[in-house]
Structures are given as C-alpha cells and as structure tokens.
Amino acid sequence: MGHPPLEFSDCYLDSPDFRQRLKYYEEELERTNKFIKDVIKDGSALISAMRKLFSPCESLFSVSSQECTPSVGLHTAYCISS
C-alpha cells in the first residue's frame, strides 16, 4: 500500500516504470489540488452564508445607546433604552 517510491537515480534511466510512477504522482497531485480548491471554495461559501445569517444579529447588538440588563427569573437579557 502507499505510493511507489520515486528514486532520483531512476530519472537518469528514464525507464517506463519511472514514467509510470511519475504519472501516478502527477495524477495524485491533481486530485489533491482539486480537493484543496473545493475545500477553499466550500469554506468561502460557508463563511459568506454565516455572515449573511448573523448580519441581522450584529445590527441588533451594535446599538450603543442601549444597555442590556439580565431579567429576573429568565435566562435571557432584555435591553433598556437610556
């Protein structure tokens, strides 16, 4: 299991076996590169969606003229205008 080794000394001979191993590594690098690009694209889409989801929440909590006070008997906070 695993990748067949690429020996530097084999590149001088340029044998069919060396070319086959080299082609295998090139294909593996292409698959890995595509996977990484997909991860970056999906991560960017996720971050963008999270920003859209939480942007209304930011505007609710960014009002500096309000002071949040814990309410008695509840696990939430309510805001009082100052």
PDB file of N, CA and C in Angstrom:
ATOM      1  N   MET A   1       0.848  -1.173   0.000  1.00  0.00           N
ATOM      2  CA  MET A   1       0.000   0.000   0.000  1.00  0.00           C
ATOM      3  C   MET A   1       0.890   1.232   0.000  1.00  0.00           C
ATOM      4  N   GLY A   2       0.353   2.344  -0.455  1.00  0.00           N
ATOM      5  CA  GLY A   2       1.124   3.566  -0.486  1.00  0.00           C
ATOM      6  C   GLY A   2       1.631   3.853  -1.889  1.00  0.00           C
ATOM      7  N   HIS A   3       2.405   4.886  -1.980  1.00  0.00           N
ATOM      8  CA  HIS A   3       2.917   5.304  -3.273  1.00  0.00           C
ATOM      9  C   HIS A   3       4.203   4.559  -3.605  1.00  0.00           C
ATOM     10  N   PRO A   4       4.404   4.212  -4.871  1.00  0.00           N
ATOM     11  CA  PRO A   4       5.692   3.635  -5.254  1.00  0.00           C
ATOM     12  C   PRO A   4       6.760   4.722  -5.156  1.00  0.00           C
ATOM     13  N   PRO A   5       7.914   4.385  -4.636  1.00  0.00           N
ATOM     14  CA  PRO A   5       8.936   5.422  -4.437  1.00  0.00           C
ATOM     15  C   PRO A   5       9.482   5.946  -5.764  1.00  0.00           C
ATOM     16  N   LEU A   6       9.786   7.227  -5.769  1.00  0.00           N
ATOM     17  CA  LEU A   6      10.476   7.839  -6.902  1.00  0.00           C
ATOM     18  C   LEU A   6      11.942   7.978  -6.525  1.00  0.00           C
ATOM     19  N   GLU A   7      12.780   7.295  -7.243  1.00  0.00           N
ATOM     20  CA  GLU A   7      14.221   7.350  -6.978  1.00  0.00           C
ATOM     21  C   GLU A   7      14.864   8.340  -7.939  1.00  0.00           C
ATOM     22  N   PHE A   8      15.678   9.214  -7.376  1.00  0.00           N
ATOM     23  CA  PHE A   8      16.344  10.220  -8.199  1.00  0.00           C
ATOM     24  C   PHE A   8      17.228   9.560  -9.251  1.00  0.00           C
ATOM     25  N   SER A   9      17.870   8.465  -8.897  1.00  0.00           N
ATOM     26  CA  SER A   9      18.761   7.784  -9.847  1.00  0.00           C
ATOM     27  C   SER A   9      17.976   7.204 -11.027  1.00  0.00           C
ATOM     28  N   ASP A  10      16.703   6.881 -10.840  1.00  0.00           N
ATOM     29  CA  ASP A  10      15.895   6.330 -11.924  1.00  0.00           C
ATOM     30  C   ASP A  10      15.568   7.359 -13.003  1.00  0.00           C
ATOM     31  N   CYS A  11      15.593   8.629 -12.648  1.00  0.00           N
ATOM     32  CA  CYS A  11      15.263   9.643 -13.656  1.00  0.00           C
ATOM     33  C   CYS A  11      16.310   9.687 -14.765  1.00  0.00           C
ATOM     34  N   TYR A  12      17.557   9.289 -14.458  1.00  0.00           N
ATOM     35  CA  TYR A  12      18.589   9.243 -15.496  1.00  0.00           C
ATOM     36  C   TYR A  12      18.284   8.164 -16.523  1.00  0.00           C
ATOM     37  N   LEU A  13      17.754   7.043 -16.065  1.00  0.00           N
ATOM     38  CA  LEU A  13      17.452   5.938 -16.966  1.00  0.00           C
ATOM     39  C   LEU A  13      16.193   6.211 -17.788  1.00  0.00           C
ATOM     40  N   ASP A  14      15.278   6.996 -17.210  1.00  0.00           N
ATOM     41  CA  ASP A  14      14.028   7.341 -17.874  1.00  0.00           C
ATOM     42  C   ASP A  14      13.296   6.090 -18.358  1.00  0.00           C
ATOM     43  N   SER A  15      13.183   5.144 -17.462  1.00  0.00           N
ATOM     44  CA  SER A  15      12.558   3.867 -17.809  1.00  0.00           C
ATOM     45  C   SER A  15      11.034   4.008 -17.858  1.00  0.00           C
ATOM     46  N   PRO A  16      10.350   3.072 -18.498  1.00  0.00           N
ATOM     47  CA  PRO A  16       8.880   3.100 -18.499  1.00  0.00           C
ATOM     48  C   PRO A  16       8.299   2.997 -17.083  1.00  0.00           C
ATOM     49  N   ASP A  17       8.953   2.245 -16.214  1.00  0.00           N
ATOM     50  CA  ASP A  17       8.493   2.145 -14.826  1.00  0.00           C
ATOM     51  C   ASP A  17       8.573   3.496 -14.124  1.00  0.00           C
ATOM     52  N   PHE A  18       9.673   4.212 -14.353  1.00  0.00           N
ATOM     53  CA  PHE A  18       9.829   5.522 -13.740  1.00  0.00           C
ATOM     54  C   PHE A  18       8.753   6.477 -14.251  1.00  0.00           C
ATOM     55  N   ARG A  19       8.504   6.456 -15.556  1.00  0.00           N
ATOM     56  CA  ARG A  19       7.474   7.337 -16.136  1.00  0.00           C
ATOM     57  C   ARG A  19       6.089   6.993 -15.588  1.00  0.00           C
ATOM     58  N   GLN A  20       5.832   5.707 -15.389  1.00  0.00           N
ATOM     59  CA  GLN A  20       4.538   5.289 -14.846  1.00  0.00           C
ATOM     60  C   GLN A  20       4.380   5.774 -13.406  1.00  0.00           C
ATOM     61  N   ARG A  21       5.434   5.637 -12.604  1.00  0.00           N
ATOM     62  CA  ARG A  21       5.381   6.130 -11.217  1.00  0.00           C
ATOM     63  C   ARG A  21       5.222   7.643 -11.188  1.00  0.00           C
ATOM     64  N   LEU A  22       5.939   8.320 -12.079  1.00  0.00           N
ATOM     65  CA  LEU A  22       5.843   9.772 -12.150  1.00  0.00           C
ATOM     66  C   LEU A  22       4.422  10.204 -12.538  1.00  0.00           C
ATOM     67  N   LYS A  23       3.837   9.505 -13.504  1.00  0.00           N
ATOM     68  CA  LYS A  23       2.464   9.809 -13.912  1.00  0.00           C
ATOM     69  C   LYS A  23       1.506   9.586 -12.747  1.00  0.00           C
ATOM     70  N   TYR A  24       1.716   8.549 -11.969  1.00  0.00           N
ATOM     71  CA  TYR A  24       0.873   8.272 -10.805  1.00  0.00           C
ATOM     72  C   TYR A  24       0.932   9.439  -9.818  1.00  0.00           C
ATOM     73  N   TYR A  25       2.140   9.942  -9.555  1.00  0.00           N
ATOM     74  CA  TYR A  25       2.299  11.075  -8.636  1.00  0.00           C
ATOM     75  C   TYR A  25       1.638  12.334  -9.201  1.00  0.00           C
ATOM     76  N   GLU A  26       1.773  12.558 -10.491  1.00  0.00           N
ATOM     77  CA  GLU A  26       1.149  13.738 -11.098  1.00  0.00           C
ATOM     78  C   GLU A  26      -0.376  13.671 -10.979  1.00  0.00           C
ATOM     79  N   GLU A  27      -0.950  12.501 -11.215  1.00  0.00           N
ATOM     80  CA  GLU A  27      -2.408  12.339 -11.083  1.00  0.00           C
ATOM     81  C   GLU A  27      -2.848  12.544  -9.638  1.00  0.00           C
ATOM     82  N   GLU A  28      -2.066  12.017  -8.713  1.00  0.00           N
ATOM     83  CA  GLU A  28      -2.390  12.182  -7.293  1.00  0.00           C
ATOM     84  C   GLU A  28      -2.320  13.658  -6.889  1.00  0.00           C
ATOM     85  N   LEU A  29      -1.332  14.376  -7.397  1.00  0.00           N
ATOM     86  CA  LEU A  29      -1.224  15.812  -7.118  1.00  0.00           C
ATOM     87  C   LEU A  29      -2.398  16.586  -7.705  1.00  0.00           C
ATOM     88  N   GLU A  30      -2.843  16.208  -8.891  1.00  0.00           N
ATOM     89  CA  GLU A  30      -4.004  16.869  -9.495  1.00  0.00           C
ATOM     90  C   GLU A  30      -5.256  16.639  -8.654  1.00  0.00           C
ATOM     91  N   ARG A  31      -5.469  15.414  -8.174  1.00  0.00           N
ATOM     92  CA  ARG A  31      -6.625  15.119  -7.323  1.00  0.00           C
ATOM     93  C   ARG A  31      -6.549  15.901  -6.017  1.00  0.00           C
ATOM     94  N   THR A  32      -5.363  15.948  -5.429  1.00  0.00           N
ATOM     95  CA  THR A  32      -5.180  16.684  -4.175  1.00  0.00           C
ATOM     96  C   THR A  32      -5.417  18.174  -4.390  1.00  0.00           C
ATOM     97  N   ASN A  33      -4.904  18.707  -5.485  1.00  0.00           N
ATOM     98  CA  ASN A  33      -5.084  20.126  -5.798  1.00  0.00           C
ATOM     99  C   ASN A  33      -6.567  20.447  -5.984  1.00  0.00           C
ATOM    100  N   LYS A  34      -7.293  19.606  -6.693  1.00  0.00           N
ATOM    101  CA  LYS A  34      -8.728  19.811  -6.893  1.00  0.00           C
ATOM    102  C   LYS A  34      -9.460  19.747  -5.556  1.00  0.00           C
ATOM    103  N   PHE A  35      -9.098  18.797  -4.708  1.00  0.00           N
ATOM    104  CA  PHE A  35      -9.730  18.672  -3.400  1.00  0.00           C
ATOM    105  C   PHE A  35      -9.509  19.926  -2.563  1.00  0.00           C
ATOM    106  N   ILE A  36      -8.288  20.433  -2.556  1.00  0.00           N
ATOM    107  CA  ILE A  36      -7.969  21.638  -1.783  1.00  0.00           C
ATOM    108  C   ILE A  36      -8.757  22.835  -2.318  1.00  0.00           C
ATOM    109  N   LYS A  37      -8.844  22.967  -3.643  1.00  0.00           N
ATOM    110  CA  LYS A  37      -9.623  24.073  -4.222  1.00  0.00           C
ATOM    111  C   LYS A  37     -11.094  23.958  -3.831  1.00  0.00           C
ATOM    112  N   ASP A  38     -11.632  22.733  -3.825  1.00  0.00           N
ATOM    113  CA  ASP A  38     -13.028  22.532  -3.417  1.00  0.00           C
ATOM    114  C   ASP A  38     -13.232  22.882  -1.947  1.00  0.00           C
ATOM    115  N   VAL A  39     -12.273  22.526  -1.102  1.00  0.00           N
ATOM    116  CA  VAL A  39     -12.369  22.856   0.321  1.00  0.00           C
ATOM    117  C   VAL A  39     -12.357  24.374   0.509  1.00  0.00           C
ATOM    118  N   ILE A  40     -11.489  25.062  -0.197  1.00  0.00           N
ATOM    119  CA  ILE A  40     -11.417  26.526  -0.103  1.00  0.00           C
ATOM    120  C   ILE A  40     -12.725  27.155  -0.592  1.00  0.00           C
ATOM    121  N   LYS A  41     -13.244  26.654  -1.718  1.00  0.00           N
ATOM    122  CA  LYS A  41     -14.499  27.181  -2.261  1.00  0.00           C
ATOM    123  C   LYS A  41     -15.650  26.944  -1.288  1.00  0.00           C
ATOM    124  N   ASP A  42     -15.753  25.726  -0.747  1.00  0.00           N
ATOM    125  CA  ASP A  42     -16.827  25.420   0.202  1.00  0.00           C
ATOM    126  C   ASP A  42     -16.677  26.220   1.493  1.00  0.00           C
ATOM    127  N   GLY A  43     -15.449  26.394   1.956  1.00  0.00           N
ATOM    128  CA  GLY A  43     -15.205  27.192   3.155  1.00  0.00           C
ATOM    129  C   GLY A  43     -15.598  28.642   2.954  1.00  0.00           C
ATOM    130  N   SER A  44     -15.277  29.180   1.788  1.00  0.00           N
ATOM    131  CA  SER A  44     -15.654  30.564   1.482  1.00  0.00           C
ATOM    132  C   SER A  44     -17.167  30.710   1.420  1.00  0.00           C
ATOM    133  N   ALA A  45     -17.839  29.724   0.822  1.00  0.00           N
ATOM    134  CA  ALA A  45     -19.301  29.770   0.752  1.00  0.00           C
ATOM    135  C   ALA A  45     -19.907  29.687   2.147  1.00  0.00           C
ATOM    136  N   LEU A  46     -19.336  28.866   3.004  1.00  0.00           N
ATOM    137  CA  LEU A  46     -19.823  28.733   4.377  1.00  0.00           C
ATOM    138  C   LEU A  46     -19.652  30.036   5.144  1.00  0.00           C
ATOM    139  N   ILE A  47     -18.498  30.658   5.019  1.00  0.00           N
ATOM    140  CA  ILE A  47     -18.246  31.928   5.702  1.00  0.00           C
ATOM    141  C   ILE A  47     -19.210  32.997   5.198  1.00  0.00           C
ATOM    142  N   SER A  48     -19.434  33.028   3.891  1.00  0.00           N
ATOM    143  CA  SER A  48     -20.362  34.002   3.326  1.00  0.00           C
ATOM    144  C   SER A  48     -21.780  33.777   3.847  1.00  0.00           C
ATOM    145  N   ALA A  49     -22.196  32.526   3.908  1.00  0.00           N
ATOM    146  CA  ALA A  49     -23.539  32.220   4.420  1.00  0.00           C
ATOM    147  C   ALA A  49     -23.663  32.582   5.893  1.00  0.00           C
ATOM    148  N   MET A  50     -22.621  32.323   6.674  1.00  0.00           N
ATOM    149  CA  MET A  50     -22.653  32.667   8.098  1.00  0.00           C
ATOM    150  C   MET A  50     -22.724  34.176   8.290  1.00  0.00           C
ATOM    151  N   ARG A  51     -22.019  34.933   7.455  1.00  0.00           N
ATOM    152  CA  ARG A  51     -22.082  36.395   7.546  1.00  0.00           C
ATOM    153  C   ARG A  51     -23.487  36.887   7.245  1.00  0.00           C
ATOM    154  N   LYS A  52     -24.113  36.315   6.218  1.00  0.00           N
ATOM    155  CA  LYS A  52     -25.488  36.716   5.876  1.00  0.00           C
ATOM    156  C   LYS A  52     -26.447  36.336   6.998  1.00  0.00           C
ATOM    157  N   LEU A  53     -26.230  35.191   7.600  1.00  0.00           N
ATOM    158  CA  LEU A  53     -27.111  34.720   8.661  1.00  0.00           C
ATOM    159  C   LEU A  53     -27.009  35.596   9.900  1.00  0.00           C
ATOM    160  N   PHE A  54     -25.784  35.988  10.262  1.00  0.00           N
ATOM    161  CA  PHE A  54     -25.585  36.715  11.509  1.00  0.00           C
ATOM    162  C   PHE A  54     -25.543  38.231  11.349  1.00  0.00           C
ATOM    163  N   SER A  55     -25.610  38.752  10.135  1.00  0.00           N
ATOM    164  CA  SER A  55     -25.575  40.216   9.978  1.00  0.00           C
ATOM    165  C   SER A  55     -26.772  40.897  10.630  1.00  0.00           C
ATOM    166  N   PRO A  56     -27.996  40.336  10.594  1.00  0.00           N
ATOM    167  CA  PRO A  56     -29.094  40.988  11.329  1.00  0.00           C
ATOM    168  C   PRO A  56     -28.844  41.008  12.838  1.00  0.00           C
ATOM    169  N   CYS A  57     -28.193  39.988  13.360  1.00  0.00           N
ATOM    170  CA  CYS A  57     -27.888  39.943  14.790  1.00  0.00           C
ATOM    171  C   CYS A  57     -26.894  41.033  15.174  1.00  0.00           C
ATOM    172  N   GLU A  58     -25.941  41.294  14.305  1.00  0.00           N
ATOM    173  CA  GLU A  58     -24.963  42.341  14.589  1.00  0.00           C
ATOM    174  C   GLU A  58     -25.645  43.691  14.749  1.00  0.00           C
ATOM    175  N   SER A  59     -26.603  43.980  13.869  1.00  0.00           N
ATOM    176  CA  SER A  59     -27.254  45.284  13.951  1.00  0.00           C
ATOM    177  C   SER A  59     -28.079  45.406  15.224  1.00  0.00           C
ATOM    178  N   LEU A  60     -28.632  44.298  15.722  1.00  0.00           N
ATOM    179  CA  LEU A  60     -29.398  44.349  16.960  1.00  0.00           C
ATOM    180  C   LEU A  60     -28.507  44.671  18.161  1.00  0.00           C
ATOM    181  N   PHE A  61     -27.310  44.125  18.162  1.00  0.00           N
ATOM    182  CA  PHE A  61     -26.429  44.295  19.319  1.00  0.00           C
ATOM    183  C   PHE A  61     -25.429  45.443  19.165  1.00  0.00           C
ATOM    184  N   SER A  62     -25.442  46.114  18.018  1.00  0.00           N
ATOM    185  CA  SER A  62     -24.463  47.184  17.811  1.00  0.00           C
ATOM    186  C   SER A  62     -24.974  48.550  18.255  1.00  0.00           C
ATOM    187  N   VAL A  63     -26.196  48.630  18.686  1.00  0.00           N
ATOM    188  CA  VAL A  63     -26.749  49.906  19.134  1.00  0.00           C
ATOM    189  C   VAL A  63     -26.090  50.263  20.456  1.00  0.00           C
ATOM    190  N   SER A  64     -25.324  51.329  20.445  1.00  0.00           N
ATOM    191  CA  SER A  64     -24.558  51.688  21.645  1.00  0.00           C
ATOM    192  C   SER A  64     -25.380  52.453  22.673  1.00  0.00           C
ATOM    193  N   SER A  65     -26.581  52.930  22.275  1.00  0.00           N
ATOM    194  CA  SER A  65     -27.379  53.712  23.216  1.00  0.00           C
ATOM    195  C   SER A  65     -28.249  52.830  24.102  1.00  0.00           C
ATOM    196  N   GLN A  66     -28.107  51.505  23.980  1.00  0.00           N
ATOM    197  CA  GLN A  66     -28.910  50.609  24.800  1.00  0.00           C
ATOM    198  C   GLN A  66     -28.029  49.861  25.781  1.00  0.00           C
ATOM    199  N   GLU A  67     -28.596  49.569  26.918  1.00  0.00           N
ATOM    200  CA  GLU A  67     -27.862  48.869  27.966  1.00  0.00           C
ATOM    201  C   GLU A  67     -28.608  47.565  28.250  1.00  0.00           C
ATOM    202  N   CYS A  68     -27.920  46.449  28.219  1.00  0.00           N
ATOM    203  CA  CYS A  68     -28.562  45.158  28.464  1.00  0.00           C
ATOM    204  C   CYS A  68     -28.519  44.833  29.948  1.00  0.00           C
ATOM    205  N   THR A  69     -29.655  44.384  30.466  1.00  0.00           N
ATOM    206  CA  THR A  69     -29.784  44.033  31.879  1.00  0.00           C
ATOM    207  C   THR A  69     -30.390  42.642  31.977  1.00  0.00           C
ATOM    208  N   PRO A  70     -29.870  41.793  32.853  1.00  0.00           N
ATOM    209  CA  PRO A  70     -30.461  40.458  32.981  1.00  0.00           C
ATOM    210  C   PRO A  70     -31.854  40.561  33.583  1.00  0.00           C
ATOM    211  N   SER A  71     -32.775  39.762  33.085  1.00  0.00           N
ATOM    212  CA  SER A  71     -34.124  39.770  33.643  1.00  0.00           C
ATOM    213  C   SER A  71     -34.205  38.737  34.759  1.00  0.00           C
ATOM    214  N   VAL A  72     -35.005  39.016  35.751  1.00  0.00           N
ATOM    215  CA  VAL A  72     -35.129  38.154  36.911  1.00  0.00           C
ATOM    216  C   VAL A  72     -35.961  36.926  36.546  1.00  0.00           C
ATOM    217  N   GLY A  73     -35.458  35.744  36.853  1.00  0.00           N
ATOM    218  CA  GLY A  73     -36.178  34.514  36.645  1.00  0.00           C
ATOM    219  C   GLY A  73     -36.101  33.973  35.234  1.00  0.00           C
ATOM    220  N   LEU A  74     -35.460  34.671  34.317  1.00  0.00           N
ATOM    221  CA  LEU A  74     -35.318  34.193  32.940  1.00  0.00           C
ATOM    222  C   LEU A  74     -33.851  34.072  32.603  1.00  0.00           C
ATOM    223  N   HIS A  75     -33.553  33.272  31.606  1.00  0.00           N
ATOM    224  CA  HIS A  75     -32.162  33.066  31.171  1.00  0.00           C
ATOM    225  C   HIS A  75     -31.790  33.970  30.015  1.00  0.00           C
ATOM    226  N   THR A  76     -32.566  34.993  29.769  1.00  0.00           N
ATOM    227  CA  THR A  76     -32.293  35.906  28.676  1.00  0.00           C
ATOM    228  C   THR A  76     -32.037  37.307  29.203  1.00  0.00           C
ATOM    229  N   ALA A  77     -31.644  38.183  28.342  1.00  0.00           N
ATOM    230  CA  ALA A  77     -31.421  39.584  28.722  1.00  0.00           C
ATOM    231  C   ALA A  77     -32.364  40.440  27.908  1.00  0.00           C
ATOM    232  N   TYR A  78     -32.787  41.537  28.470  1.00  0.00           N
ATOM    233  CA  TYR A  78     -33.595  42.493  27.724  1.00  0.00           C
ATOM    234  C   TYR A  78     -32.869  43.821  27.742  1.00  0.00           C
ATOM    235  N   CYS A  79     -33.166  44.652  26.772  1.00  0.00           N
ATOM    236  CA  CYS A  79     -32.461  45.929  26.632  1.00  0.00           C
ATOM    237  C   CYS A  79     -33.372  47.075  27.023  1.00  0.00           C
ATOM    238  N   ILE A  80     -32.784  48.037  27.691  1.00  0.00           N
ATOM    239  CA  ILE A  80     -33.496  49.249  28.098  1.00  0.00           C
ATOM    240  C   ILE A  80     -32.834  50.423  27.426  1.00  0.00           C
ATOM    241  N   SER A  81     -33.604  51.259  26.750  1.00  0.00           N
ATOM    242  CA  SER A  81     -33.048  52.453  26.131  1.00  0.00           C
ATOM    243  C   SER A  81     -32.641  53.441  27.208  1.00  0.00           C
ATOM    244  N   SER A  82     -31.449  54.056  27.032  1.00  0.00           N
ATOM    245  CA  SER A  82     -31.010  55.031  28.044  1.00  0.00           C
ATOM    246  C   SER A  82     -31.365  56.431  27.671  1.00  0.00           C
TER     247      SER A  82
END
